[in-house]
Protein backbone atom coordinates (compact mmCIF):
# COMPACT_ATOMS: atom_id res chain seq x y z
CA MET A 1 -12.02 -20.22 -71.97
CA PRO A 2 -15.77 -20.64 -71.36
CA VAL A 3 -17.37 -19.67 -68.05
CA ASP A 4 -17.09 -22.61 -65.66
CA ALA A 5 -18.95 -22.08 -62.37
CA SER A 6 -17.38 -24.97 -60.47
CA LEU A 7 -13.84 -24.12 -61.60
CA ALA A 8 -14.44 -20.43 -60.80
CA ALA A 9 -15.63 -21.33 -57.30
CA SER A 10 -12.66 -23.63 -56.76
CA ARG A 11 -10.24 -20.91 -57.85
CA ALA A 12 -12.07 -18.23 -55.80
CA ARG A 13 -11.34 -20.17 -52.59
CA GLU A 14 -7.62 -19.43 -53.11
CA VAL A 15 -7.97 -15.69 -53.84
CA LYS A 16 -6.26 -13.27 -51.48
CA LEU A 17 -6.04 -10.33 -53.90
CA LEU A 18 -8.63 -8.87 -56.25
CA VAL A 19 -7.13 -6.68 -58.98
CA LEU A 20 -9.38 -4.26 -60.84
CA ASP A 21 -9.24 -2.23 -64.01
CA VAL A 22 -10.90 1.19 -63.80
CA ASP A 23 -12.50 2.37 -67.04
CA GLY A 24 -15.23 -0.05 -68.05
CA VAL A 25 -14.99 -1.96 -64.74
CA MET A 26 -15.18 0.53 -61.86
CA THR A 27 -16.80 3.05 -64.23
CA ASP A 28 -19.11 2.65 -67.21
CA GLY A 29 -16.21 3.62 -69.47
CA GLY A 30 -17.60 7.07 -70.20
CA LEU A 31 -15.43 10.16 -69.93
CA TYR A 32 -16.97 13.48 -68.93
CA ILE A 33 -14.70 16.19 -70.35
CA ASP A 34 -15.20 19.82 -69.36
CA ALA A 35 -14.32 22.91 -71.41
CA GLN A 36 -10.85 23.07 -69.84
CA GLY A 37 -10.10 19.43 -70.71
CA GLY A 38 -10.66 18.14 -67.17
CA ILE A 39 -12.01 14.62 -66.92
CA ALA A 40 -14.67 13.46 -64.48
CA LYS A 41 -15.75 9.87 -63.95
CA ARG A 42 -18.76 8.21 -62.34
CA PHE A 43 -18.19 5.46 -59.77
CA ASN A 44 -20.81 3.17 -58.28
CA VAL A 45 -21.17 3.49 -54.48
CA HIS A 46 -22.13 -0.19 -54.20
CA ASP A 47 -18.76 -1.09 -55.67
CA GLY A 48 -17.02 1.20 -53.20
CA LEU A 49 -18.77 -0.35 -50.20
CA GLY A 50 -17.96 -3.80 -51.54
CA ILE A 51 -14.29 -2.86 -51.74
CA LYS A 52 -14.32 -1.55 -48.17
CA ALA A 53 -16.08 -4.70 -46.93
CA ALA A 54 -13.57 -6.90 -48.77
CA GLN A 55 -10.68 -5.03 -47.18
CA ALA A 56 -12.32 -5.33 -43.75
CA VAL A 57 -12.35 -9.13 -43.93
CA GLY A 58 -8.86 -9.49 -45.39
CA LEU A 59 -9.39 -9.58 -49.15
CA ASP A 60 -6.84 -7.16 -50.56
CA VAL A 61 -7.77 -4.95 -53.54
CA ALA A 62 -5.39 -3.45 -56.09
CA VAL A 63 -6.10 -1.30 -59.15
CA ILE A 64 -4.18 -1.02 -62.42
CA SER A 65 -5.50 1.56 -64.89
CA GLY A 66 -4.53 2.30 -68.45
CA LEU A 67 -5.25 6.00 -67.91
CA ASP A 68 -3.89 8.41 -65.33
CA SER A 69 -6.63 10.61 -63.95
CA PRO A 70 -6.77 12.86 -60.86
CA ALA A 71 -10.43 11.84 -60.43
CA VAL A 72 -9.46 8.17 -60.20
CA ALA A 73 -6.54 8.94 -57.88
CA ALA A 74 -8.94 10.75 -55.54
CA ARG A 75 -11.34 7.77 -55.52
CA MET A 76 -8.51 5.30 -54.87
CA ALA A 77 -7.32 7.40 -51.92
CA GLU A 78 -10.87 7.52 -50.58
CA LEU A 79 -11.05 3.71 -50.79
CA ASP A 80 -7.61 3.27 -49.15
CA ILE A 81 -6.25 1.34 -52.12
CA ALA A 82 -2.49 1.46 -51.62
CA GLU A 83 -1.69 -0.61 -54.73
CA TYR A 84 -3.03 1.87 -57.29
CA HIS A 85 -1.05 1.98 -60.52
CA PRO A 86 -2.26 4.47 -63.16
CA GLY A 87 -1.08 4.94 -66.73
CA HIS A 88 -0.25 1.33 -67.62
CA LEU A 89 -1.58 -0.10 -70.87
CA ARG A 90 0.77 -3.07 -70.43
CA LYS A 91 -0.30 -4.43 -67.06
CA VAL A 92 1.41 -7.80 -66.59
CA ALA A 93 4.69 -6.45 -65.20
CA VAL A 94 2.79 -4.18 -62.80
CA LEU A 95 0.69 -7.12 -61.60
CA GLU A 96 3.79 -9.29 -61.17
CA GLY A 97 5.29 -6.53 -59.01
CA ILE A 98 2.18 -6.36 -56.83
CA LEU A 99 2.18 -10.14 -56.38
CA LYS A 100 5.89 -10.12 -55.47
CA ARG A 101 5.46 -7.31 -52.93
CA GLN A 102 2.55 -9.14 -51.31
CA GLY A 103 4.25 -12.53 -51.37
CA LEU A 104 1.48 -14.10 -53.45
CA GLY A 105 1.46 -16.47 -56.38
CA PRO A 106 -0.66 -15.75 -59.46
CA GLN A 107 -3.16 -18.45 -58.44
CA GLN A 108 -3.97 -16.37 -55.33
CA ALA A 109 -5.17 -13.43 -57.42
CA ALA A 110 -8.35 -12.60 -59.31
CA TYR A 111 -8.49 -9.95 -62.02
CA LEU A 112 -11.68 -8.20 -63.18
CA GLY A 113 -11.41 -6.68 -66.64
CA ASP A 114 -13.38 -5.54 -69.67
CA ASP A 115 -11.09 -4.76 -72.60
CA TRP A 116 -8.00 -5.88 -74.49
CA VAL A 117 -5.59 -4.17 -72.05
CA ASP A 118 -6.82 -6.67 -69.44
CA ALA A 119 -6.06 -9.84 -71.43
CA GLY A 120 -2.48 -10.24 -70.15
CA PRO A 121 -3.34 -9.99 -66.45
CA MET A 122 -6.36 -12.26 -66.93
CA GLU A 123 -4.14 -14.92 -68.48
CA LEU A 124 -1.75 -14.68 -65.50
CA VAL A 125 -4.12 -14.95 -62.51
CA GLY A 126 -5.88 -17.95 -61.03
CA LEU A 127 -9.35 -16.40 -61.35
CA PRO A 128 -9.89 -14.32 -64.50
CA MET A 129 -13.16 -12.37 -64.25
CA ALA A 130 -15.01 -10.10 -66.68
CA VAL A 131 -17.85 -7.60 -66.51
CA ALA A 132 -20.99 -8.44 -68.48
CA ASP A 133 -20.35 -5.83 -71.18
CA ALA A 134 -16.69 -6.75 -71.73
CA GLN A 135 -15.21 -7.23 -75.18
CA PRO A 136 -15.79 -10.73 -76.63
CA GLU A 137 -12.13 -11.74 -76.34
CA ILE A 138 -12.16 -10.82 -72.64
CA LEU A 139 -15.38 -12.74 -72.04
CA ASP A 140 -13.68 -15.76 -73.63
CA LEU A 141 -10.81 -15.53 -71.10
CA ALA A 142 -13.09 -15.30 -68.05
CA LEU A 143 -13.96 -18.12 -65.69
CA TRP A 144 -16.57 -15.84 -64.09
CA VAL A 145 -18.68 -13.09 -65.68
CA SER A 146 -20.80 -10.57 -63.79
CA ARG A 147 -24.45 -10.03 -64.59
CA ARG A 148 -23.95 -6.27 -64.34
CA GLY A 149 -21.90 -4.07 -66.62
CA GLY A 150 -18.91 -1.96 -65.70
CA GLY A 151 -19.75 0.91 -63.37
CA GLN A 152 -23.10 -0.70 -62.61
CA GLY A 153 -22.16 -2.82 -59.58
CA ALA A 154 -20.01 -5.47 -61.29
CA VAL A 155 -17.18 -4.96 -58.78
CA ARG A 156 -19.56 -5.53 -55.85
CA GLU A 157 -20.85 -8.65 -57.58
CA ALA A 158 -17.28 -9.98 -57.97
CA VAL A 159 -16.49 -9.23 -54.33
CA ARG A 160 -19.70 -10.99 -53.20
CA PHE A 161 -18.82 -14.05 -55.31
CA ILE A 162 -15.31 -14.35 -53.88
CA LEU A 163 -16.35 -13.72 -50.27
CA ALA A 164 -19.37 -16.06 -50.49
CA THR A 165 -17.20 -18.82 -51.95
CA GLN A 166 -14.70 -18.32 -49.12
CA GLY A 167 -17.43 -18.27 -46.46
CA ARG A 168 -16.64 -14.64 -45.53
CA LEU A 169 -19.66 -12.80 -46.95
CA GLU A 170 -21.55 -12.85 -43.64
CA ALA A 171 -18.46 -11.50 -41.84
CA ALA A 172 -18.30 -8.66 -44.36
CA TYR A 173 -21.97 -7.87 -43.76
CA GLN A 174 -21.44 -7.98 -39.98
CA TRP A 175 -18.47 -5.62 -40.37
CA PHE A 176 -20.81 -3.12 -41.99
CA LEU A 177 -23.41 -3.51 -39.25
CA GLY A 178 -20.81 -3.44 -36.51
């Protein structure tokens, strides 16, 4: 599916839930592994503030990750993301569960992904989104593509797009100032 700005904007108006992948979306996809096998990850603070601003104006955020990492769990707790689901390479059933719990239809969700594990959820939601450096197949599924790569502010860009389309970006900015 090629990027279609007017269709993406139309679909963004209906979004009540933004679902994110972690590795390659919230991070640059790199893994820092220490001598004991511990894994550290780098997150972008602009993305984190965007998530908090989205939550403040009523845009819910959920995260489904293929890997299970204590570093990611700590970041999700810090961001108050209650719907955090680690260790799922097959994500559609998890996403369907989130939608059911929140009483939402698929058209009310956006999904931001970067790799093959994200294809299923992207095909389910109303607004499939991809980071700029996503795999070609994922870019083909996206109605909206960020200018920035994963871990480089792409999440913040997606949040800004959704909130601006819904007329809530100024409210999010005022929340921060307030």
